[in-house]
Amino acid sequence: MKANYKIFWGLAIALVLVLGMQQLQAADGVDVKQAQSMSQHGALLIDVREPEEYAGGHAPNAKLIPLGQLSSRLQEISYYKDKPIVVMCHSGRRSAIAVSQLQAAGFTQVSNVRGGMTAWESDGLAVVKM
């Protein structure tokens, strides 16, 4: 019985470490100019904010998939399973969660946009308003 507990705790610790590393990788991410360049060269840019936030201003060519819908809409972006994806939100927090979800679903080239739309606008990059 003690061996089962050791295995359980070993697996639990390993899972926490893996998830923690994914969060750190997601938090590192790319800056907004890198994200813009990646998007212009074929990477999928996903905006995980809510529709009203997106309508208020978003990056050109950004695909709106709110964080709460991401897991149910993975089929829409399955083409990008092994292709570059950059994910953004308002400040980078929700997009870091989205990056972890995408990585857990098997997407291999996912990056968080550091600073999100706040940094995007601060850098004077193009914004589309609806």
N, C-alpha and C. Protein backbone atom coordinates (compact mmCIF):
# COMPACT_ATOMS: atom_id res chain seq x y z
N MET A 1 0.82 -1.19 0.00
CA MET A 1 0.00 0.00 0.00
C MET A 1 0.87 1.25 0.00
N LYS A 2 1.97 1.26 0.75
CA LYS A 2 2.86 2.42 0.78
C LYS A 2 3.48 2.67 -0.59
N ALA A 3 3.75 1.61 -1.33
CA ALA A 3 4.33 1.76 -2.67
C ALA A 3 3.35 2.51 -3.58
N ASN A 4 2.04 2.22 -3.43
CA ASN A 4 1.04 2.91 -4.25
C ASN A 4 1.03 4.41 -3.95
N TYR A 5 1.16 4.77 -2.68
CA TYR A 5 1.21 6.19 -2.31
C TYR A 5 2.43 6.87 -2.91
N LYS A 6 3.57 6.18 -2.87
CA LYS A 6 4.78 6.75 -3.44
C LYS A 6 4.62 6.98 -4.93
N ILE A 7 4.02 6.03 -5.62
CA ILE A 7 3.79 6.18 -7.06
C ILE A 7 2.84 7.34 -7.30
N PHE A 8 1.76 7.39 -6.53
CA PHE A 8 0.77 8.47 -6.68
C PHE A 8 1.42 9.83 -6.48
N TRP A 9 2.16 9.99 -5.40
CA TRP A 9 2.79 11.28 -5.12
C TRP A 9 3.87 11.61 -6.13
N GLY A 10 4.58 10.60 -6.58
CA GLY A 10 5.60 10.83 -7.62
C GLY A 10 4.96 11.34 -8.91
N LEU A 11 3.85 10.74 -9.31
CA LEU A 11 3.14 11.18 -10.51
C LEU A 11 2.54 12.57 -10.31
N ALA A 12 2.01 12.84 -9.13
CA ALA A 12 1.42 14.15 -8.85
C ALA A 12 2.48 15.24 -8.93
N ILE A 13 3.63 14.98 -8.35
CA ILE A 13 4.73 15.96 -8.38
C ILE A 13 5.21 16.18 -9.81
N ALA A 14 5.34 15.09 -10.58
CA ALA A 14 5.77 15.21 -11.97
C ALA A 14 4.77 16.04 -12.78
N LEU A 15 3.49 15.83 -12.56
CA LEU A 15 2.46 16.59 -13.27
C LEU A 15 2.54 18.07 -12.93
N VAL A 16 2.70 18.38 -11.66
CA VAL A 16 2.82 19.78 -11.24
C VAL A 16 4.05 20.43 -11.87
N LEU A 17 5.16 19.72 -11.93
CA LEU A 17 6.37 20.26 -12.54
C LEU A 17 6.19 20.51 -14.04
N VAL A 18 5.55 19.57 -14.72
CA VAL A 18 5.31 19.74 -16.16
C VAL A 18 4.40 20.94 -16.41
N LEU A 19 3.32 21.03 -15.66
CA LEU A 19 2.40 22.16 -15.84
C LEU A 19 3.07 23.48 -15.49
N GLY A 20 3.89 23.46 -14.46
CA GLY A 20 4.62 24.67 -14.08
C GLY A 20 5.58 25.11 -15.17
N MET A 21 6.27 24.16 -15.79
CA MET A 21 7.19 24.49 -16.89
C MET A 21 6.42 25.05 -18.07
N GLN A 22 5.25 24.48 -18.37
CA GLN A 22 4.45 25.00 -19.47
C GLN A 22 4.01 26.43 -19.18
N GLN A 23 3.64 26.71 -17.94
CA GLN A 23 3.23 28.06 -17.58
C GLN A 23 4.41 29.02 -17.74
N LEU A 24 5.60 28.60 -17.33
CA LEU A 24 6.77 29.46 -17.47
C LEU A 24 7.09 29.71 -18.94
N GLN A 25 7.01 28.64 -19.75
CA GLN A 25 7.26 28.82 -21.18
C GLN A 25 6.23 29.76 -21.79
N ALA A 26 4.96 29.59 -21.39
CA ALA A 26 3.90 30.44 -21.91
C ALA A 26 4.13 31.88 -21.49
N ALA A 27 4.56 32.09 -20.25
CA ALA A 27 4.78 33.44 -19.75
C ALA A 27 5.96 34.10 -20.46
N ASP A 28 6.99 33.32 -20.82
CA ASP A 28 8.12 33.88 -21.54
C ASP A 28 7.65 34.43 -22.88
N GLY A 29 7.09 33.58 -23.69
CA GLY A 29 6.47 33.97 -24.93
C GLY A 29 7.31 34.83 -25.86
N VAL A 30 6.59 35.61 -26.67
CA VAL A 30 7.22 36.50 -27.65
C VAL A 30 6.72 37.92 -27.41
N ASP A 31 7.52 38.89 -27.85
CA ASP A 31 7.04 40.27 -27.72
C ASP A 31 6.09 40.58 -28.88
N VAL A 32 5.45 41.73 -28.82
CA VAL A 32 4.41 42.04 -29.80
C VAL A 32 4.96 42.19 -31.22
N LYS A 33 6.16 42.69 -31.35
CA LYS A 33 6.74 42.82 -32.70
C LYS A 33 7.06 41.45 -33.29
N GLN A 34 7.53 40.53 -32.45
CA GLN A 34 7.74 39.16 -32.92
C GLN A 34 6.41 38.53 -33.32
N ALA A 35 5.38 38.75 -32.50
CA ALA A 35 4.05 38.20 -32.79
C ALA A 35 3.51 38.76 -34.10
N GLN A 36 3.69 40.05 -34.32
CA GLN A 36 3.24 40.68 -35.56
C GLN A 36 3.95 40.05 -36.75
N SER A 37 5.25 39.90 -36.66
CA SER A 37 6.03 39.30 -37.74
C SER A 37 5.60 37.85 -37.99
N MET A 38 5.43 37.10 -36.92
CA MET A 38 5.01 35.71 -37.06
C MET A 38 3.66 35.62 -37.76
N SER A 39 2.73 36.49 -37.37
CA SER A 39 1.40 36.52 -37.98
C SER A 39 1.50 36.86 -39.46
N GLN A 40 2.35 37.80 -39.80
CA GLN A 40 2.52 38.20 -41.20
C GLN A 40 3.19 37.10 -42.04
N HIS A 41 3.85 36.17 -41.38
CA HIS A 41 4.53 35.08 -42.08
C HIS A 41 3.83 33.73 -41.90
N GLY A 42 2.53 33.77 -41.62
CA GLY A 42 1.74 32.54 -41.64
C GLY A 42 1.34 31.93 -40.31
N ALA A 43 1.83 32.46 -39.21
CA ALA A 43 1.42 31.92 -37.91
C ALA A 43 -0.03 32.30 -37.65
N LEU A 44 -0.74 31.45 -36.97
CA LEU A 44 -2.11 31.75 -36.55
C LEU A 44 -2.04 32.62 -35.31
N LEU A 45 -2.72 33.75 -35.34
CA LEU A 45 -2.81 34.65 -34.19
C LEU A 45 -4.20 34.48 -33.58
N ILE A 46 -4.25 34.00 -32.36
CA ILE A 46 -5.52 33.79 -31.66
C ILE A 46 -5.66 34.82 -30.55
N ASP A 47 -6.81 35.47 -30.52
CA ASP A 47 -7.17 36.42 -29.45
C ASP A 47 -8.17 35.70 -28.56
N VAL A 48 -7.82 35.51 -27.28
CA VAL A 48 -8.68 34.74 -26.38
C VAL A 48 -9.53 35.62 -25.46
N ARG A 49 -9.64 36.90 -25.81
CA ARG A 49 -10.49 37.79 -25.02
C ARG A 49 -11.96 37.56 -25.36
N GLU A 50 -12.82 38.28 -24.69
CA GLU A 50 -14.25 38.19 -24.94
C GLU A 50 -14.62 39.03 -26.17
N PRO A 51 -15.74 38.71 -26.83
CA PRO A 51 -16.12 39.42 -28.06
C PRO A 51 -16.16 40.94 -27.93
N GLU A 52 -16.65 41.46 -26.81
CA GLU A 52 -16.73 42.92 -26.66
C GLU A 52 -15.34 43.54 -26.55
N GLU A 53 -14.40 42.82 -25.95
CA GLU A 53 -13.01 43.31 -25.88
C GLU A 53 -12.39 43.31 -27.28
N TYR A 54 -12.61 42.24 -28.00
CA TYR A 54 -12.10 42.09 -29.35
C TYR A 54 -12.64 43.20 -30.25
N ALA A 55 -13.94 43.48 -30.15
CA ALA A 55 -14.57 44.52 -30.96
C ALA A 55 -13.98 45.89 -30.66
N GLY A 56 -13.55 46.11 -29.43
CA GLY A 56 -12.97 47.38 -29.03
C GLY A 56 -11.59 47.64 -29.63
N GLY A 57 -10.97 46.61 -30.15
CA GLY A 57 -9.67 46.74 -30.79
C GLY A 57 -8.88 45.45 -30.71
N HIS A 58 -8.45 44.97 -31.87
CA HIS A 58 -7.67 43.74 -31.91
C HIS A 58 -6.60 43.84 -32.99
N ALA A 59 -5.65 42.94 -32.92
CA ALA A 59 -4.58 42.89 -33.91
C ALA A 59 -5.15 42.44 -35.26
N PRO A 60 -4.62 42.97 -36.35
CA PRO A 60 -5.06 42.52 -37.67
C PRO A 60 -4.89 41.01 -37.82
N ASN A 61 -5.85 40.38 -38.44
CA ASN A 61 -5.85 38.94 -38.72
C ASN A 61 -5.97 38.06 -37.48
N ALA A 62 -6.27 38.64 -36.32
CA ALA A 62 -6.43 37.83 -35.12
C ALA A 62 -7.76 37.09 -35.18
N LYS A 63 -7.71 35.81 -34.87
CA LYS A 63 -8.92 34.97 -34.83
C LYS A 63 -9.44 34.98 -33.40
N LEU A 64 -10.68 35.37 -33.23
CA LEU A 64 -11.29 35.41 -31.90
C LEU A 64 -11.75 34.02 -31.49
N ILE A 65 -11.16 33.51 -30.42
CA ILE A 65 -11.61 32.29 -29.76
C ILE A 65 -11.51 32.57 -28.26
N PRO A 66 -12.61 33.02 -27.64
CA PRO A 66 -12.54 33.31 -26.20
C PRO A 66 -12.02 32.11 -25.40
N LEU A 67 -11.26 32.40 -24.37
CA LEU A 67 -10.64 31.35 -23.57
C LEU A 67 -11.65 30.28 -23.14
N GLY A 68 -12.83 30.70 -22.74
CA GLY A 68 -13.84 29.74 -22.31
C GLY A 68 -14.34 28.81 -23.39
N GLN A 69 -14.09 29.14 -24.65
CA GLN A 69 -14.52 28.31 -25.78
C GLN A 69 -13.38 27.52 -26.42
N LEU A 70 -12.18 27.80 -26.00
CA LEU A 70 -11.00 27.23 -26.67
C LEU A 70 -11.05 25.71 -26.77
N SER A 71 -11.30 25.03 -25.66
CA SER A 71 -11.25 23.56 -25.68
C SER A 71 -12.32 22.96 -26.60
N SER A 72 -13.44 23.64 -26.77
CA SER A 72 -14.50 23.10 -27.63
C SER A 72 -14.33 23.49 -29.09
N ARG A 73 -13.34 24.34 -29.38
CA ARG A 73 -13.13 24.81 -30.76
C ARG A 73 -11.78 24.39 -31.34
N LEU A 74 -11.14 23.42 -30.72
CA LEU A 74 -9.82 22.99 -31.19
C LEU A 74 -9.84 22.46 -32.62
N GLN A 75 -10.95 21.86 -33.03
CA GLN A 75 -11.05 21.32 -34.39
C GLN A 75 -10.87 22.42 -35.44
N GLU A 76 -11.33 23.63 -35.13
CA GLU A 76 -11.21 24.76 -36.07
C GLU A 76 -9.77 25.11 -36.39
N ILE A 77 -8.88 24.82 -35.47
CA ILE A 77 -7.48 25.20 -35.65
C ILE A 77 -6.56 23.99 -35.76
N SER A 78 -7.13 22.83 -36.00
CA SER A 78 -6.33 21.60 -36.04
C SER A 78 -5.24 21.64 -37.12
N TYR A 79 -5.45 22.41 -38.18
CA TYR A 79 -4.44 22.55 -39.22
C TYR A 79 -3.11 23.05 -38.63
N TYR A 80 -3.19 23.81 -37.55
CA TYR A 80 -2.01 24.42 -36.94
C TYR A 80 -1.39 23.55 -35.83
N LYS A 81 -1.76 22.30 -35.75
CA LYS A 81 -1.26 21.42 -34.68
C LYS A 81 0.27 21.45 -34.59
N ASP A 82 0.94 21.47 -35.73
CA ASP A 82 2.41 21.49 -35.76
C ASP A 82 2.94 22.73 -36.48
N LYS A 83 2.17 23.79 -36.43
CA LYS A 83 2.57 25.05 -37.06
C LYS A 83 2.54 26.15 -36.01
N PRO A 84 3.20 27.27 -36.28
CA PRO A 84 3.26 28.35 -35.28
C PRO A 84 1.89 28.98 -34.97
N ILE A 85 1.66 29.14 -33.69
CA ILE A 85 0.46 29.81 -33.17
C ILE A 85 0.94 30.81 -32.13
N VAL A 86 0.43 32.04 -32.21
CA VAL A 86 0.67 33.03 -31.17
C VAL A 86 -0.67 33.39 -30.56
N VAL A 87 -0.70 33.48 -29.23
CA VAL A 87 -1.94 33.69 -28.51
C VAL A 87 -1.84 34.98 -27.71
N MET A 88 -2.89 35.79 -27.79
CA MET A 88 -2.88 37.04 -27.04
C MET A 88 -4.21 37.29 -26.35
N CYS A 89 -4.15 38.16 -25.34
CA CYS A 89 -5.34 38.61 -24.62
C CYS A 89 -5.11 40.08 -24.29
N HIS A 90 -5.64 40.54 -23.19
CA HIS A 90 -5.45 41.94 -22.81
C HIS A 90 -4.03 42.20 -22.30
N SER A 91 -3.57 41.35 -21.36
CA SER A 91 -2.28 41.59 -20.74
C SER A 91 -1.31 40.42 -20.79
N GLY A 92 -1.78 39.25 -21.17
CA GLY A 92 -0.92 38.07 -21.24
C GLY A 92 -1.27 36.97 -20.26
N ARG A 93 -2.18 37.22 -19.35
CA ARG A 93 -2.53 36.21 -18.35
C ARG A 93 -3.43 35.12 -18.93
N ARG A 94 -4.54 35.51 -19.56
CA ARG A 94 -5.45 34.52 -20.16
C ARG A 94 -4.76 33.77 -21.29
N SER A 95 -3.94 34.48 -22.05
CA SER A 95 -3.27 33.82 -23.17
C SER A 95 -2.26 32.79 -22.67
N ALA A 96 -1.65 33.01 -21.52
CA ALA A 96 -0.74 32.01 -20.94
C ALA A 96 -1.51 30.73 -20.59
N ILE A 97 -2.72 30.90 -20.08
CA ILE A 97 -3.57 29.73 -19.78
C ILE A 97 -3.92 29.01 -21.08
N ALA A 98 -4.27 29.79 -22.11
CA ALA A 98 -4.62 29.21 -23.41
C ALA A 98 -3.44 28.44 -24.00
N VAL A 99 -2.24 29.00 -23.88
CA VAL A 99 -1.04 28.31 -24.39
C VAL A 99 -0.90 26.96 -23.71
N SER A 100 -1.08 26.91 -22.41
CA SER A 100 -0.98 25.64 -21.68
C SER A 100 -2.04 24.65 -22.16
N GLN A 101 -3.26 25.14 -22.38
CA GLN A 101 -4.33 24.26 -22.88
C GLN A 101 -4.00 23.72 -24.26
N LEU A 102 -3.49 24.58 -25.12
CA LEU A 102 -3.14 24.14 -26.47
C LEU A 102 -1.99 23.13 -26.44
N GLN A 103 -1.00 23.38 -25.62
CA GLN A 103 0.11 22.44 -25.50
C GLN A 103 -0.38 21.09 -24.98
N ALA A 104 -1.27 21.12 -24.01
CA ALA A 104 -1.82 19.87 -23.46
C ALA A 104 -2.63 19.12 -24.52
N ALA A 105 -3.20 19.85 -25.48
CA ALA A 105 -3.98 19.23 -26.55
C ALA A 105 -3.10 18.78 -27.72
N GLY A 106 -1.78 18.97 -27.59
CA GLY A 106 -0.86 18.46 -28.60
C GLY A 106 -0.37 19.47 -29.63
N PHE A 107 -0.72 20.75 -29.45
CA PHE A 107 -0.19 21.77 -30.35
C PHE A 107 1.26 22.02 -29.96
N THR A 108 2.14 22.02 -30.94
CA THR A 108 3.58 21.96 -30.62
C THR A 108 4.34 23.27 -30.72
N GLN A 109 3.79 24.28 -31.41
CA GLN A 109 4.54 25.53 -31.62
C GLN A 109 3.69 26.72 -31.17
N VAL A 110 3.39 26.77 -29.89
CA VAL A 110 2.49 27.79 -29.35
C VAL A 110 3.28 28.79 -28.50
N SER A 111 3.03 30.08 -28.73
CA SER A 111 3.71 31.12 -27.97
C SER A 111 2.70 32.12 -27.42
N ASN A 112 2.97 32.60 -26.23
CA ASN A 112 2.18 33.65 -25.61
C ASN A 112 2.73 35.01 -26.05
N VAL A 113 1.82 35.97 -26.29
CA VAL A 113 2.24 37.33 -26.62
C VAL A 113 2.37 38.10 -25.31
N ARG A 114 3.60 38.38 -24.92
CA ARG A 114 3.85 39.10 -23.67
C ARG A 114 3.21 40.49 -23.70
N GLY A 115 2.46 40.78 -22.67
CA GLY A 115 1.84 42.10 -22.56
C GLY A 115 0.54 42.25 -23.31
N GLY A 116 0.19 41.29 -24.17
CA GLY A 116 -1.08 41.29 -24.88
C GLY A 116 -1.37 42.57 -25.66
N MET A 117 -2.67 42.89 -25.75
CA MET A 117 -3.09 44.07 -26.49
C MET A 117 -2.60 45.36 -25.85
N THR A 118 -2.39 45.33 -24.55
CA THR A 118 -1.85 46.52 -23.88
C THR A 118 -0.49 46.87 -24.47
N ALA A 119 0.38 45.89 -24.59
CA ALA A 119 1.71 46.11 -25.17
C ALA A 119 1.61 46.39 -26.67
N TRP A 120 0.70 45.70 -27.35
CA TRP A 120 0.50 45.89 -28.78
C TRP A 120 0.20 47.37 -29.08
N GLU A 121 -0.76 47.91 -28.36
CA GLU A 121 -1.16 49.30 -28.56
C GLU A 121 -0.06 50.26 -28.11
N SER A 122 0.61 49.95 -27.00
CA SER A 122 1.70 50.80 -26.51
C SER A 122 2.83 50.92 -27.52
N ASP A 123 3.05 49.83 -28.28
CA ASP A 123 4.11 49.85 -29.30
C ASP A 123 3.65 50.51 -30.60
N GLY A 124 2.41 50.96 -30.64
CA GLY A 124 1.89 51.66 -31.82
C GLY A 124 1.60 50.77 -33.00
N LEU A 125 1.39 49.47 -32.75
CA LEU A 125 1.09 48.55 -33.85
C LEU A 125 -0.37 48.73 -34.27
N ALA A 126 -0.67 48.32 -35.50
CA ALA A 126 -2.01 48.48 -36.07
C ALA A 126 -3.06 47.77 -35.23
N VAL A 127 -4.20 48.43 -35.08
CA VAL A 127 -5.33 47.88 -34.32
C VAL A 127 -6.58 48.01 -35.18
N VAL A 128 -7.35 46.94 -35.24
CA VAL A 128 -8.61 46.94 -35.97
C VAL A 128 -9.74 47.11 -34.97
N LYS A 129 -10.61 48.10 -35.21
CA LYS A 129 -11.76 48.32 -34.33
C LYS A 129 -13.03 48.07 -35.13
N MET A 130 -13.98 47.47 -34.46
CA MET A 130 -15.24 47.13 -35.14
C MET A 130 -16.34 48.09 -34.74
